[in-house]
Structures are given as C-alpha cells and as structure tokens.
C-alpha cells in the first residue's frame, strides 16, 4: 500500500519545522503540493487563484515597460510565475526568509520551479523582506515599480510577531520608500477586507482598494474568498517611518466600500482559528485541508532519524 503523502523535504527552520509534501488527489489523480509550518497548513496547490491574482491585479495597476518587480514570499512560486507572464516585467526579485524554500525551487521540486530558476529576469534572494523594507533604500539601491507581498495570513494574523509593524502607517511609509513614484504595492490576505487596515493603507498610498477574489473550493463544492489590496505610491509622499525619519504630505483618503471591521482575537485564541467565528462564512481553504488531515491522520514518523 503506497503512502498517502510523499514528503519531499523536511527542515527545522528558525520559524519551526517546515515540510513540503506531495499527494495525489483521489478524485482526479492530480498531484497536490502542500506546505506546513509546525502544525499550520501554509499553502496548497489546490488553491492558487488568489496568489496568481496578487500578481495580475498588482501589475495591471502598474504603468510602463521594463518593470522592476519585488515579490515578498516565494512559497510555491505561483505569484512569481504569474508575474513573469507579463511581458513588461524586466526584472523580478523574490525575497524569502527561509533558505529551504529557495532550495526547493533551485532543486526544481515544484511545478513552476524550472520556469523561475531558468528565467534570466529572476533573482531569488534569501533575506528577511520585512527587515529590508524597514531600512531606507541606499543611493545605489533599486526602486521598484511594483511590490507584491504574500507572507502573512493577513495584516492581523502574522506568521511572526515581528512582521506586525509593517501593517502600521509607519511600516507602510517605510515600504513606500522602496517604490518609484506611483509604484504599486499589492498585498494578499486570507481574511475578508479589513476596514481598519484599508484606512491605514489609504493614509499612506493613493487609490487603495480591496479586491475580493472568489474561487471554487473542491473540498467543499462551494466558493472560498481571499483579499488582494492594491495601492499606488503617492508621488513625493513620506510620513513617519520605522527608522524614525519623517516627511510631510501624508493625507487620509476614503477607503473602499463594503468592508467589514475584523474581529481581534481574544488572548490565548489561535491567530488563525480552526473554525470561523461566523459559521455562515465558508471556512478558509487551509482549515479545510486541516480538517481532511484530522479525519485521515498522517501517522508516519517524519523525524530526521526516521528511515
């Protein structure tokens, strides 16, 4: 009897145990790739529509040719691969904090890996995206026409507490310094549109919009949703930044309609709940994958000493 999961890589990282595994969809035979960090399901190739839309929506908003694009978070590579499909992209830099993830693609373990590592426009960089954008760009540093970010679950549900300051006005102003004038910042979120965050985004950027991306969910037979925020750097804008510098000219514009305030988790509550508080809302895809795994637990020994 064959194993239900094929473990392609397991590494102990600074953020915890990171696992890349592959399984066959019993209904279609399709190869599904999944990433777990500790006990959390980070991503699955079953659900990539919103990650692809992050690149599509972000680059549609960007003007010009020979675009310089920065992607924060490599993951399965779907955002980066979609960006490369835009012929206007002249260079694509992808930063990931986990060397293991970059290694997966260098070893061509994932479906889009070869496309990424063999394209001369692409640079895969092992670094902390959040630390990079906190710092002011140097005189010789490249400014980007678009920054696409997909690392945390959402502005409220971060993978690491040190990421939280990016989603403040000061953090966003710090990031904006790495964009050319009218450059685009786009952010993926697993949560519904967040009115408070959209207001903060609008205080630093122009034309801030929350796009709801719906996609078919094969696990439930229904529809799931993610959010992609898109905003343009205000020419000459500054504001208080994380390194303490300050510029004038920040104004607050009106956020998009039809967004709902997001509930802040109670003390001790998981940052990514197992069950949606509102049971009329479809569960997150990651929750559904976890439900399947709990129903059919993977009991194999995945420790490094296991044969």
C-alpha atoms as a PDB file:
ATOM      1  CA  UNK A   1       0.000   0.000   0.000  1.00  0.00           C
ATOM      2  CA  UNK A   2       1.504   3.353  -1.027  1.00  0.00           C
ATOM      3  CA  UNK A   3       1.892   6.237   1.412  1.00  0.00           C
ATOM      4  CA  UNK A   4      -0.849   8.863   1.276  1.00  0.00           C
ATOM      5  CA  UNK A   5       1.766  11.641   1.368  1.00  0.00           C
ATOM      6  CA  UNK A   6       5.209  11.796  -0.181  1.00  0.00           C
ATOM      7  CA  UNK A   7       7.449  14.016   1.911  1.00  0.00           C
ATOM      8  CA  UNK A   8       9.703  15.934  -0.467  1.00  0.00           C
ATOM      9  CA  UNK A   9      11.572  17.925   2.184  1.00  0.00           C
ATOM     10  CA  UNK A  10      11.601  18.463   5.945  1.00  0.00           C
ATOM     11  CA  UNK A  11      13.758  21.078   7.659  1.00  0.00           C
ATOM     12  CA  UNK A  12      13.969  22.658  11.080  1.00  0.00           C
ATOM     13  CA  UNK A  13      13.948  26.414  10.440  1.00  0.00           C
ATOM     14  CA  UNK A  14      14.100  29.456  12.697  1.00  0.00           C
ATOM     15  CA  UNK A  15      10.288  29.656  12.408  1.00  0.00           C
ATOM     16  CA  UNK A  16       9.756  25.969  13.206  1.00  0.00           C
ATOM     17  CA  UNK A  17       9.511  22.663  11.342  1.00  0.00           C
ATOM     18  CA  UNK A  18       8.893  23.234   7.655  1.00  0.00           C
ATOM     19  CA  UNK A  19       7.548  20.436   5.469  1.00  0.00           C
ATOM     20  CA  UNK A  20       6.950  20.174   1.731  1.00  0.00           C
ATOM     21  CA  UNK A  21       4.885  17.194   0.711  1.00  0.00           C
ATOM     22  CA  UNK A  22       3.041  15.857  -2.308  1.00  0.00           C
ATOM     23  CA  UNK A  23      -0.073  13.726  -2.589  1.00  0.00           C
ATOM     24  CA  UNK A  24      -2.381  12.564  -5.334  1.00  0.00           C
ATOM     25  CA  UNK A  25      -5.944  13.863  -5.404  1.00  0.00           C
ATOM     26  CA  UNK A  26      -8.005  10.638  -5.049  1.00  0.00           C
ATOM     27  CA  UNK A  27     -10.719  12.005  -7.329  1.00  0.00           C
ATOM     28  CA  UNK A  28      -8.598  13.312 -10.198  1.00  0.00           C
ATOM     29  CA  UNK A  29      -5.106  11.890  -9.702  1.00  0.00           C
ATOM     30  CA  UNK A  30      -3.720  15.445  -9.778  1.00  0.00           C
ATOM     31  CA  UNK A  31      -0.506  15.951  -7.837  1.00  0.00           C
ATOM     32  CA  UNK A  32      -1.161  18.334  -4.915  1.00  0.00           C
ATOM     33  CA  UNK A  33       1.715  20.139  -3.201  1.00  0.00           C
ATOM     34  CA  UNK A  34       1.311  21.288   0.407  1.00  0.00           C
ATOM     35  CA  UNK A  35       3.475  23.288   2.792  1.00  0.00           C
ATOM     36  CA  UNK A  36       3.212  23.060   6.570  1.00  0.00           C
ATOM     37  CA  UNK A  37       4.982  25.209   9.149  1.00  0.00           C
ATOM     38  CA  UNK A  38       4.842  23.412  12.503  1.00  0.00           C
ATOM     39  CA  UNK A  39       1.174  22.380  12.693  1.00  0.00           C
ATOM     40  CA  UNK A  40      -0.183  25.095  10.393  1.00  0.00           C
ATOM     41  CA  UNK A  41      -1.052  24.480   6.768  1.00  0.00           C
ATOM     42  CA  UNK A  42       0.519  27.441   4.981  1.00  0.00           C
ATOM     43  CA  UNK A  43      -0.410  26.753   1.391  1.00  0.00           C
ATOM     44  CA  UNK A  44      -1.673  24.195  -1.052  1.00  0.00           C
ATOM     45  CA  UNK A  45      -1.515  23.975  -4.833  1.00  0.00           C
ATOM     46  CA  UNK A  46      -5.256  23.232  -4.670  1.00  0.00           C
ATOM     47  CA  UNK A  47      -5.799  26.949  -4.018  1.00  0.00           C
ATOM     48  CA  UNK A  48      -3.573  29.295  -6.034  1.00  0.00           C
ATOM     49  CA  UNK A  49      -6.078  31.598  -7.748  1.00  0.00           C
ATOM     50  CA  UNK A  50      -5.687  34.458  -5.261  1.00  0.00           C
ATOM     51  CA  UNK A  51      -1.882  34.206  -5.230  1.00  0.00           C
ATOM     52  CA  UNK A  52      -1.932  34.474  -9.021  1.00  0.00           C
ATOM     53  CA  UNK A  53      -4.398  37.371  -8.842  1.00  0.00           C
ATOM     54  CA  UNK A  54      -1.986  39.158  -6.498  1.00  0.00           C
ATOM     55  CA  UNK A  55       0.439  39.434  -9.416  1.00  0.00           C
ATOM     56  CA  UNK A  56      -2.240  40.093 -12.024  1.00  0.00           C
ATOM     57  CA  UNK A  57      -4.022  42.862 -10.104  1.00  0.00           C
ATOM     58  CA  UNK A  58      -0.780  44.427  -8.925  1.00  0.00           C
ATOM     59  CA  UNK A  59       0.777  44.566 -12.381  1.00  0.00           C
ATOM     60  CA  UNK A  60      -2.396  45.716 -14.141  1.00  0.00           C
ATOM     61  CA  UNK A  61      -2.184  48.797 -11.928  1.00  0.00           C
ATOM     62  CA  UNK A  62       1.495  49.384 -12.771  1.00  0.00           C
ATOM     63  CA  UNK A  63       2.330  51.701 -15.671  1.00  0.00           C
ATOM     64  CA  UNK A  64       5.188  51.477 -18.135  1.00  0.00           C
ATOM     65  CA  UNK A  65       7.518  48.856 -19.532  1.00  0.00           C
ATOM     66  CA  UNK A  66      10.668  47.139 -18.274  1.00  0.00           C
ATOM     67  CA  UNK A  67       9.037  46.918 -14.871  1.00  0.00           C
ATOM     68  CA  UNK A  68      11.158  46.246 -11.799  1.00  0.00           C
ATOM     69  CA  UNK A  69       9.154  43.958  -9.529  1.00  0.00           C
ATOM     70  CA  UNK A  70       9.824  42.785  -5.976  1.00  0.00           C
ATOM     71  CA  UNK A  71       7.949  39.799  -4.544  1.00  0.00           C
ATOM     72  CA  UNK A  72       7.939  39.194  -0.807  1.00  0.00           C
ATOM     73  CA  UNK A  73       7.458  35.479  -0.172  1.00  0.00           C
ATOM     74  CA  UNK A  74       8.336  32.708  -2.638  1.00  0.00           C
ATOM     75  CA  UNK A  75       6.202  29.796  -1.412  1.00  0.00           C
ATOM     76  CA  UNK A  76       5.012  27.539  -4.206  1.00  0.00           C
ATOM     77  CA  UNK A  77       6.098  30.203  -6.711  1.00  0.00           C
ATOM     78  CA  UNK A  78       2.653  30.985  -8.131  1.00  0.00           C
ATOM     79  CA  UNK A  79       2.808  34.771  -7.652  1.00  0.00           C
ATOM     80  CA  UNK A  80       6.297  34.994  -9.164  1.00  0.00           C
ATOM     81  CA  UNK A  81       5.419  32.744 -12.114  1.00  0.00           C
ATOM     82  CA  UNK A  82       2.283  34.770 -12.873  1.00  0.00           C
ATOM     83  CA  UNK A  83       4.299  37.998 -12.759  1.00  0.00           C
ATOM     84  CA  UNK A  84       6.734  36.584 -15.320  1.00  0.00           C
ATOM     85  CA  UNK A  85       3.845  36.054 -17.729  1.00  0.00           C
ATOM     86  CA  UNK A  86       3.579  39.851 -18.013  1.00  0.00           C
ATOM     87  CA  UNK A  87       5.965  40.718 -20.846  1.00  0.00           C
ATOM     88  CA  UNK A  88       6.520  44.179 -19.365  1.00  0.00           C
ATOM     89  CA  UNK A  89       8.409  42.695 -16.405  1.00  0.00           C
ATOM     90  CA  UNK A  90      12.091  43.397 -16.934  1.00  0.00           C
ATOM     91  CA  UNK A  91      13.382  42.083 -13.606  1.00  0.00           C
ATOM     92  CA  UNK A  92      11.840  40.077 -10.806  1.00  0.00           C
ATOM     93  CA  UNK A  93      13.440  39.852  -7.370  1.00  0.00           C
ATOM     94  CA  UNK A  94      11.897  37.374  -4.937  1.00  0.00           C
ATOM     95  CA  UNK A  95      12.850  37.558  -1.252  1.00  0.00           C
ATOM     96  CA  UNK A  96      12.171  34.692   1.138  1.00  0.00           C
ATOM     97  CA  UNK A  97      13.296  34.388   4.753  1.00  0.00           C
ATOM     98  CA  UNK A  98      13.623  30.612   4.554  1.00  0.00           C
ATOM     99  CA  UNK A  99      16.568  29.226   2.627  1.00  0.00           C
ATOM    100  CA  UNK A 100      14.745  25.889   2.481  1.00  0.00           C
ATOM    101  CA  UNK A 101      12.012  27.373   0.273  1.00  0.00           C
ATOM    102  CA  UNK A 102      14.532  28.814  -2.163  1.00  0.00           C
ATOM    103  CA  UNK A 103      16.264  25.435  -2.143  1.00  0.00           C
ATOM    104  CA  UNK A 104      13.044  23.683  -3.193  1.00  0.00           C
ATOM    105  CA  UNK A 105      12.948  25.763  -6.349  1.00  0.00           C
ATOM    106  CA  UNK A 106      16.664  25.513  -7.043  1.00  0.00           C
ATOM    107  CA  UNK A 107      16.205  21.727  -6.902  1.00  0.00           C
ATOM    108  CA  UNK A 108      13.122  22.117  -9.137  1.00  0.00           C
ATOM    109  CA  UNK A 109      10.834  20.262  -6.742  1.00  0.00           C
ATOM    110  CA  UNK A 110       7.708  22.259  -7.599  1.00  0.00           C
ATOM    111  CA  UNK A 111       5.754  22.581 -10.854  1.00  0.00           C
ATOM    112  CA  UNK A 112       6.842  26.178 -11.601  1.00  0.00           C
ATOM    113  CA  UNK A 113      10.397  25.854 -10.247  1.00  0.00           C
ATOM    114  CA  UNK A 114      12.112  25.361 -13.605  1.00  0.00           C
ATOM    115  CA  UNK A 115      10.279  28.359 -15.047  1.00  0.00           C
ATOM    116  CA  UNK A 116      11.582  30.549 -12.217  1.00  0.00           C
ATOM    117  CA  UNK A 117      15.176  29.434 -11.910  1.00  0.00           C
ATOM    118  CA  UNK A 118      15.809  29.297 -15.660  1.00  0.00           C
ATOM    119  CA  UNK A 119      14.467  32.781 -16.398  1.00  0.00           C
ATOM    120  CA  UNK A 120      17.280  35.355 -16.537  1.00  0.00           C
ATOM    121  CA  UNK A 121      14.960  38.050 -15.210  1.00  0.00           C
ATOM    122  CA  UNK A 122      14.594  36.265 -11.859  1.00  0.00           C
ATOM    123  CA  UNK A 123      16.712  36.629  -8.729  1.00  0.00           C
ATOM    124  CA  UNK A 124      15.855  34.507  -5.674  1.00  0.00           C
ATOM    125  CA  UNK A 125      17.199  36.181  -2.544  1.00  0.00           C
ATOM    126  CA  UNK A 126      17.480  34.697   0.944  1.00  0.00           C
ATOM    127  CA  UNK A 127      16.692  37.613   3.234  1.00  0.00           C
ATOM    128  CA  UNK A 128      14.092  38.999   5.627  1.00  0.00           C
ATOM    129  CA  UNK A 129      11.687  41.002   3.466  1.00  0.00           C
ATOM    130  CA  UNK A 130      10.432  42.918   6.497  1.00  0.00           C
ATOM    131  CA  UNK A 131      13.921  43.939   7.565  1.00  0.00           C
ATOM    132  CA  UNK A 132      14.718  45.016   4.009  1.00  0.00           C
ATOM    133  CA  UNK A 133      11.743  47.358   3.681  1.00  0.00           C
ATOM    134  CA  UNK A 134      12.196  48.801   7.172  1.00  0.00           C
ATOM    135  CA  UNK A 135      15.539  50.246   6.061  1.00  0.00           C
ATOM    136  CA  UNK A 136      15.725  53.295   3.848  1.00  0.00           C
ATOM    137  CA  UNK A 137      16.993  52.408   0.371  1.00  0.00           C
ATOM    138  CA  UNK A 138      20.598  53.367  -0.268  1.00  0.00           C
ATOM    139  CA  UNK A 139      21.705  55.709  -3.033  1.00  0.00           C
ATOM    140  CA  UNK A 140      22.521  52.754  -5.283  1.00  0.00           C
ATOM    141  CA  UNK A 141      19.504  50.619  -4.369  1.00  0.00           C
ATOM    142  CA  UNK A 142      16.893  49.881  -6.981  1.00  0.00           C
ATOM    143  CA  UNK A 143      13.409  51.348  -6.601  1.00  0.00           C
ATOM    144  CA  UNK A 144      10.594  49.082  -7.724  1.00  0.00           C
ATOM    145  CA  UNK A 145       7.614  49.678  -9.955  1.00  0.00           C
ATOM    146  CA  UNK A 146       5.641  47.072  -8.007  1.00  0.00           C
ATOM    147  CA  UNK A 147       5.987  45.257  -4.700  1.00  0.00           C
ATOM    148  CA  UNK A 148       3.834  42.142  -4.294  1.00  0.00           C
ATOM    149  CA  UNK A 149       3.625  40.695  -0.776  1.00  0.00           C
ATOM    150  CA  UNK A 150       2.357  37.260   0.236  1.00  0.00           C
ATOM    151  CA  UNK A 151       3.922  36.146   3.524  1.00  0.00           C
ATOM    152  CA  UNK A 152       1.453  36.517   6.395  1.00  0.00           C
ATOM    153  CA  UNK A 153      -2.081  35.161   6.585  1.00  0.00           C
ATOM    154  CA  UNK A 154      -3.318  38.754   6.819  1.00  0.00           C
ATOM    155  CA  UNK A 155      -2.356  42.107   8.372  1.00  0.00           C
ATOM    156  CA  UNK A 156      -3.885  40.888  11.651  1.00  0.00           C
ATOM    157  CA  UNK A 157      -2.714  37.271  11.504  1.00  0.00           C
ATOM    158  CA  UNK A 158       1.037  37.301  11.028  1.00  0.00           C
ATOM    159  CA  UNK A 159       3.346  34.298  10.875  1.00  0.00           C
ATOM    160  CA  UNK A 160       5.799  36.069  13.164  1.00  0.00           C
ATOM    161  CA  UNK A 161       5.084  38.883  15.668  1.00  0.00           C
ATOM    162  CA  UNK A 162       7.969  40.914  14.240  1.00  0.00           C
ATOM    163  CA  UNK A 163       6.030  41.343  10.992  1.00  0.00           C
ATOM    164  CA  UNK A 164       3.188  43.300  12.597  1.00  0.00           C
ATOM    165  CA  UNK A 165       4.802  46.739  12.350  1.00  0.00           C
ATOM    166  CA  UNK A 166       4.737  46.633   8.540  1.00  0.00           C
ATOM    167  CA  UNK A 167       0.952  46.939   8.579  1.00  0.00           C
ATOM    168  CA  UNK A 168       1.023  50.228  10.507  1.00  0.00           C
ATOM    169  CA  UNK A 169       1.190  53.641   8.832  1.00  0.00           C
ATOM    170  CA  UNK A 170       4.880  53.898   9.742  1.00  0.00           C
ATOM    171  CA  UNK A 171       5.593  50.454   8.330  1.00  0.00           C
ATOM    172  CA  UNK A 172       3.769  51.165   5.087  1.00  0.00           C
ATOM    173  CA  UNK A 173       5.568  54.500   4.751  1.00  0.00           C
ATOM    174  CA  UNK A 174       8.863  52.646   5.174  1.00  0.00           C
ATOM    175  CA  UNK A 175       7.906  50.211   2.428  1.00  0.00           C
ATOM    176  CA  UNK A 176       6.760  53.032   0.133  1.00  0.00           C
ATOM    177  CA  UNK A 177      10.301  54.422   0.063  1.00  0.00           C
ATOM    178  CA  UNK A 178      11.305  51.344  -1.948  1.00  0.00           C
ATOM    179  CA  UNK A 179       8.796  52.169  -4.694  1.00  0.00           C
ATOM    180  CA  UNK A 180       9.270  54.529  -7.598  1.00  0.00           C
ATOM    181  CA  UNK A 181       6.763  57.381  -7.771  1.00  0.00           C
ATOM    182  CA  UNK A 182       3.306  55.929  -8.487  1.00  0.00           C
ATOM    183  CA  UNK A 183       4.740  52.430  -7.912  1.00  0.00           C
ATOM    184  CA  UNK A 184       2.232  49.783  -6.848  1.00  0.00           C
ATOM    185  CA  UNK A 185       2.007  47.890  -3.569  1.00  0.00           C
ATOM    186  CA  UNK A 186      -0.204  44.781  -3.628  1.00  0.00           C
ATOM    187  CA  UNK A 187      -0.871  42.515  -0.646  1.00  0.00           C
ATOM    188  CA  UNK A 188      -2.534  39.091  -0.383  1.00  0.00           C
ATOM    189  CA  UNK A 189      -4.714  38.365   2.654  1.00  0.00           C
ATOM    190  CA  UNK A 190      -6.600  35.273   3.769  1.00  0.00           C
ATOM    191  CA  UNK A 191      -9.093  37.441   5.675  1.00  0.00           C
ATOM    192  CA  UNK A 192     -12.099  39.378   4.347  1.00  0.00           C
ATOM    193  CA  UNK A 193     -11.455  43.065   3.565  1.00  0.00           C
ATOM    194  CA  UNK A 194     -10.399  44.832   6.755  1.00  0.00           C
ATOM    195  CA  UNK A 195     -11.803  48.370   7.082  1.00  0.00           C
ATOM    196  CA  UNK A 196      -9.204  49.455   9.634  1.00  0.00           C
ATOM    197  CA  UNK A 197      -6.267  48.244   7.562  1.00  0.00           C
ATOM    198  CA  UNK A 198      -7.703  49.759   4.384  1.00  0.00           C
ATOM    199  CA  UNK A 199      -7.944  53.103   6.189  1.00  0.00           C
ATOM    200  CA  UNK A 200      -4.315  52.800   7.282  1.00  0.00           C
ATOM    201  CA  UNK A 201      -3.260  51.866   3.743  1.00  0.00           C
ATOM    202  CA  UNK A 202      -5.177  54.858   2.375  1.00  0.00           C
ATOM    203  CA  UNK A 203      -3.356  57.188   4.745  1.00  0.00           C
ATOM    204  CA  UNK A 204      -0.048  56.401   3.035  1.00  0.00           C
ATOM    205  CA  UNK A 205      -0.977  55.363  -0.531  1.00  0.00           C
ATOM    206  CA  UNK A 206      -3.346  56.600  -3.224  1.00  0.00           C
ATOM    207  CA  UNK A 207      -6.197  54.602  -4.763  1.00  0.00           C
ATOM    208  CA  UNK A 208      -6.176  51.928  -2.058  1.00  0.00           C
ATOM    209  CA  UNK A 209      -8.614  49.183  -2.988  1.00  0.00           C
ATOM    210  CA  UNK A 210      -9.558  45.821  -1.508  1.00  0.00           C
ATOM    211  CA  UNK A 211     -10.343  43.252  -4.214  1.00  0.00           C
ATOM    212  CA  UNK A 212     -12.272  40.151  -3.134  1.00  0.00           C
ATOM    213  CA  UNK A 213     -11.083  37.135  -5.099  1.00  0.00           C
ATOM    214  CA  UNK A 214     -13.577  34.259  -5.205  1.00  0.00           C
ATOM    215  CA  UNK A 215     -12.560  30.787  -6.299  1.00  0.00           C
ATOM    216  CA  UNK A 216     -14.072  27.339  -6.464  1.00  0.00           C
ATOM    217  CA  UNK A 217     -13.320  25.139  -3.469  1.00  0.00           C
ATOM    218  CA  UNK A 218     -13.107  21.499  -4.498  1.00  0.00           C
ATOM    219  CA  UNK A 219     -13.077  20.302  -0.900  1.00  0.00           C
ATOM    220  CA  UNK A 220     -16.490  21.766  -0.124  1.00  0.00           C
ATOM    221  CA  UNK A 221     -18.028  22.112  -3.555  1.00  0.00           C
ATOM    222  CA  UNK A 222     -18.609  25.770  -2.698  1.00  0.00           C
ATOM    223  CA  UNK A 223     -16.757  29.053  -3.052  1.00  0.00           C
ATOM    224  CA  UNK A 224     -13.937  30.496  -0.953  1.00  0.00           C
ATOM    225  CA  UNK A 225     -12.556  34.031  -0.939  1.00  0.00           C
ATOM    226  CA  UNK A 226      -9.292  35.850  -0.326  1.00  0.00           C
ATOM    227  CA  UNK A 227      -8.497  39.562  -0.480  1.00  0.00           C
ATOM    228  CA  UNK A 228      -5.923  41.416  -2.562  1.00  0.00           C
ATOM    229  CA  UNK A 229      -5.163  45.000  -1.554  1.00  0.00           C
ATOM    230  CA  UNK A 230      -3.747  47.257  -4.269  1.00  0.00           C
ATOM    231  CA  UNK A 231      -2.499  50.823  -3.769  1.00  0.00           C
ATOM    232  CA  UNK A 232      -0.253  53.339  -5.554  1.00  0.00           C
ATOM    233  CA  UNK A 233       2.640  55.241  -4.007  1.00  0.00           C
ATOM    234  CA  UNK A 234       1.784  58.878  -3.546  1.00  0.00           C
ATOM    235  CA  UNK A 235       4.346  60.932  -5.511  1.00  0.00           C
ATOM    236  CA  UNK A 236       6.684  62.628  -3.043  1.00  0.00           C
ATOM    237  CA  UNK A 237       4.878  61.038  -0.101  1.00  0.00           C
ATOM    238  CA  UNK A 238       6.652  60.295   3.127  1.00  0.00           C
ATOM    239  CA  UNK A 239       5.309  60.164   6.653  1.00  0.00           C
ATOM    240  CA  UNK A 240       6.732  58.742   9.862  1.00  0.00           C
ATOM    241  CA  UNK A 241       8.735  55.620   9.117  1.00  0.00           C
ATOM    242  CA  UNK A 242      10.009  52.762  11.253  1.00  0.00           C
ATOM    243  CA  UNK A 243      13.541  54.133  11.339  1.00  0.00           C
ATOM    244  CA  UNK A 244      12.321  57.417  12.855  1.00  0.00           C
ATOM    245  CA  UNK A 245      12.579  59.669   9.799  1.00  0.00           C
ATOM    246  CA  UNK A 246       9.660  61.894   8.879  1.00  0.00           C
ATOM    247  CA  UNK A 247       8.333  63.728   5.818  1.00  0.00           C
ATOM    248  CA  UNK A 248       5.321  65.916   5.219  1.00  0.00           C
ATOM    249  CA  UNK A 249       2.500  65.432   2.800  1.00  0.00           C
ATOM    250  CA  UNK A 250       0.558  62.439   4.092  1.00  0.00           C
ATOM    251  CA  UNK A 251      -3.209  62.738   3.744  1.00  0.00           C
ATOM    252  CA  UNK A 252      -6.018  60.338   4.520  1.00  0.00           C
ATOM    253  CA  UNK A 253      -8.324  59.278   1.677  1.00  0.00           C
ATOM    254  CA  UNK A 254     -11.591  57.379   1.854  1.00  0.00           C
ATOM    255  CA  UNK A 255     -11.372  53.581   1.928  1.00  0.00           C
ATOM    256  CA  UNK A 256     -13.334  51.279  -0.349  1.00  0.00           C
ATOM    257  CA  UNK A 257     -16.957  50.436   0.364  1.00  0.00           C
ATOM    258  CA  UNK A 258     -18.349  47.111   1.541  1.00  0.00           C
ATOM    259  CA  UNK A 259     -15.612  46.255   4.001  1.00  0.00           C
ATOM    260  CA  UNK A 260     -16.281  44.992   7.482  1.00  0.00           C
ATOM    261  CA  UNK A 261     -14.232  45.563  10.636  1.00  0.00           C
ATOM    262  CA  UNK A 262     -12.268  42.455  11.525  1.00  0.00           C
ATOM    263  CA  UNK A 263     -12.559  40.962  14.983  1.00  0.00           C
ATOM    264  CA  UNK A 264      -9.345  40.976  17.036  1.00  0.00           C
ATOM    265  CA  UNK A 265      -8.585  37.525  18.541  1.00  0.00           C
ATOM    266  CA  UNK A 266      -9.028  37.185  22.291  1.00  0.00           C
ATOM    267  CA  UNK A 267      -5.970  36.472  24.485  1.00  0.00           C
ATOM    268  CA  UNK A 268      -4.976  32.831  24.100  1.00  0.00           C
ATOM    269  CA  UNK A 269      -7.034  32.364  20.933  1.00  0.00           C
ATOM    270  CA  UNK A 270      -5.050  30.982  17.958  1.00  0.00           C
ATOM    271  CA  UNK A 271      -4.026  33.659  15.464  1.00  0.00           C
ATOM    272  CA  UNK A 272      -5.576  31.518  12.709  1.00  0.00           C
ATOM    273  CA  UNK A 273      -8.711  29.965  14.211  1.00  0.00           C
ATOM    274  CA  UNK A 274      -9.583  26.369  13.406  1.00  0.00           C
ATOM    275  CA  UNK A 275     -13.237  27.307  12.995  1.00  0.00           C
ATOM    276  CA  UNK A 276     -14.684  30.515  11.607  1.00  0.00           C
ATOM    277  CA  UNK A 277     -16.421  32.552  14.301  1.00  0.00           C
ATOM    278  CA  UNK A 278     -19.317  33.188  11.928  1.00  0.00           C
ATOM    279  CA  UNK A 279     -20.413  29.725  10.817  1.00  0.00           C
ATOM    280  CA  UNK A 280     -22.258  31.234   7.847  1.00  0.00           C
ATOM    281  CA  UNK A 281     -18.852  32.159   6.387  1.00  0.00           C
ATOM    282  CA  UNK A 282     -17.135  29.434   4.380  1.00  0.00           C
ATOM    283  CA  UNK A 283     -14.064  28.040   6.147  1.00  0.00           C
ATOM    284  CA  UNK A 284     -10.643  29.069   4.908  1.00  0.00           C
ATOM    285  CA  UNK A 285      -9.096  26.586   2.473  1.00  0.00           C
ATOM    286  CA  UNK A 286      -6.268  25.942   4.935  1.00  0.00           C
ATOM    287  CA  UNK A 287      -8.834  24.977   7.587  1.00  0.00           C
ATOM    288  CA  UNK A 288     -10.487  22.541   5.193  1.00  0.00           C
ATOM    289  CA  UNK A 289      -7.167  20.889   4.379  1.00  0.00           C
ATOM    290  CA  UNK A 290      -6.540  20.591   8.122  1.00  0.00           C
ATOM    291  CA  UNK A 291      -9.981  19.036   8.586  1.00  0.00           C
ATOM    292  CA  UNK A 292      -9.198  16.416   5.947  1.00  0.00           C
ATOM    293  CA  UNK A 293      -5.860  15.671   7.608  1.00  0.00           C
ATOM    294  CA  UNK A 294      -7.520  15.300  11.015  1.00  0.00           C
ATOM    295  CA  UNK A 295     -10.074  12.908   9.534  1.00  0.00           C
ATOM    296  CA  UNK A 296      -7.304  10.833   7.921  1.00  0.00           C
ATOM    297  CA  UNK A 297      -4.307  11.499  10.160  1.00  0.00           C
ATOM    298  CA  UNK A 298      -0.787  11.122   8.813  1.00  0.00           C
ATOM    299  CA  UNK A 299       0.753   8.816  11.405  1.00  0.00           C
ATOM    300  CA  UNK A 300       4.133   8.310   9.722  1.00  0.00           C
ATOM    301  CA  UNK A 301       7.274   9.225  11.642  1.00  0.00           C
ATOM    302  CA  UNK A 302       8.701  12.333   9.930  1.00  0.00           C
ATOM    303  CA  UNK A 303      11.564  12.934  12.326  1.00  0.00           C
ATOM    304  CA  UNK A 304      15.048  13.266  10.796  1.00  0.00           C
ATOM    305  CA  UNK A 305      16.056   9.899  12.299  1.00  0.00           C
ATOM    306  CA  UNK A 306      13.199   8.051  10.628  1.00  0.00           C
ATOM    307  CA  UNK A 307      14.332   5.706   7.856  1.00  0.00           C
END
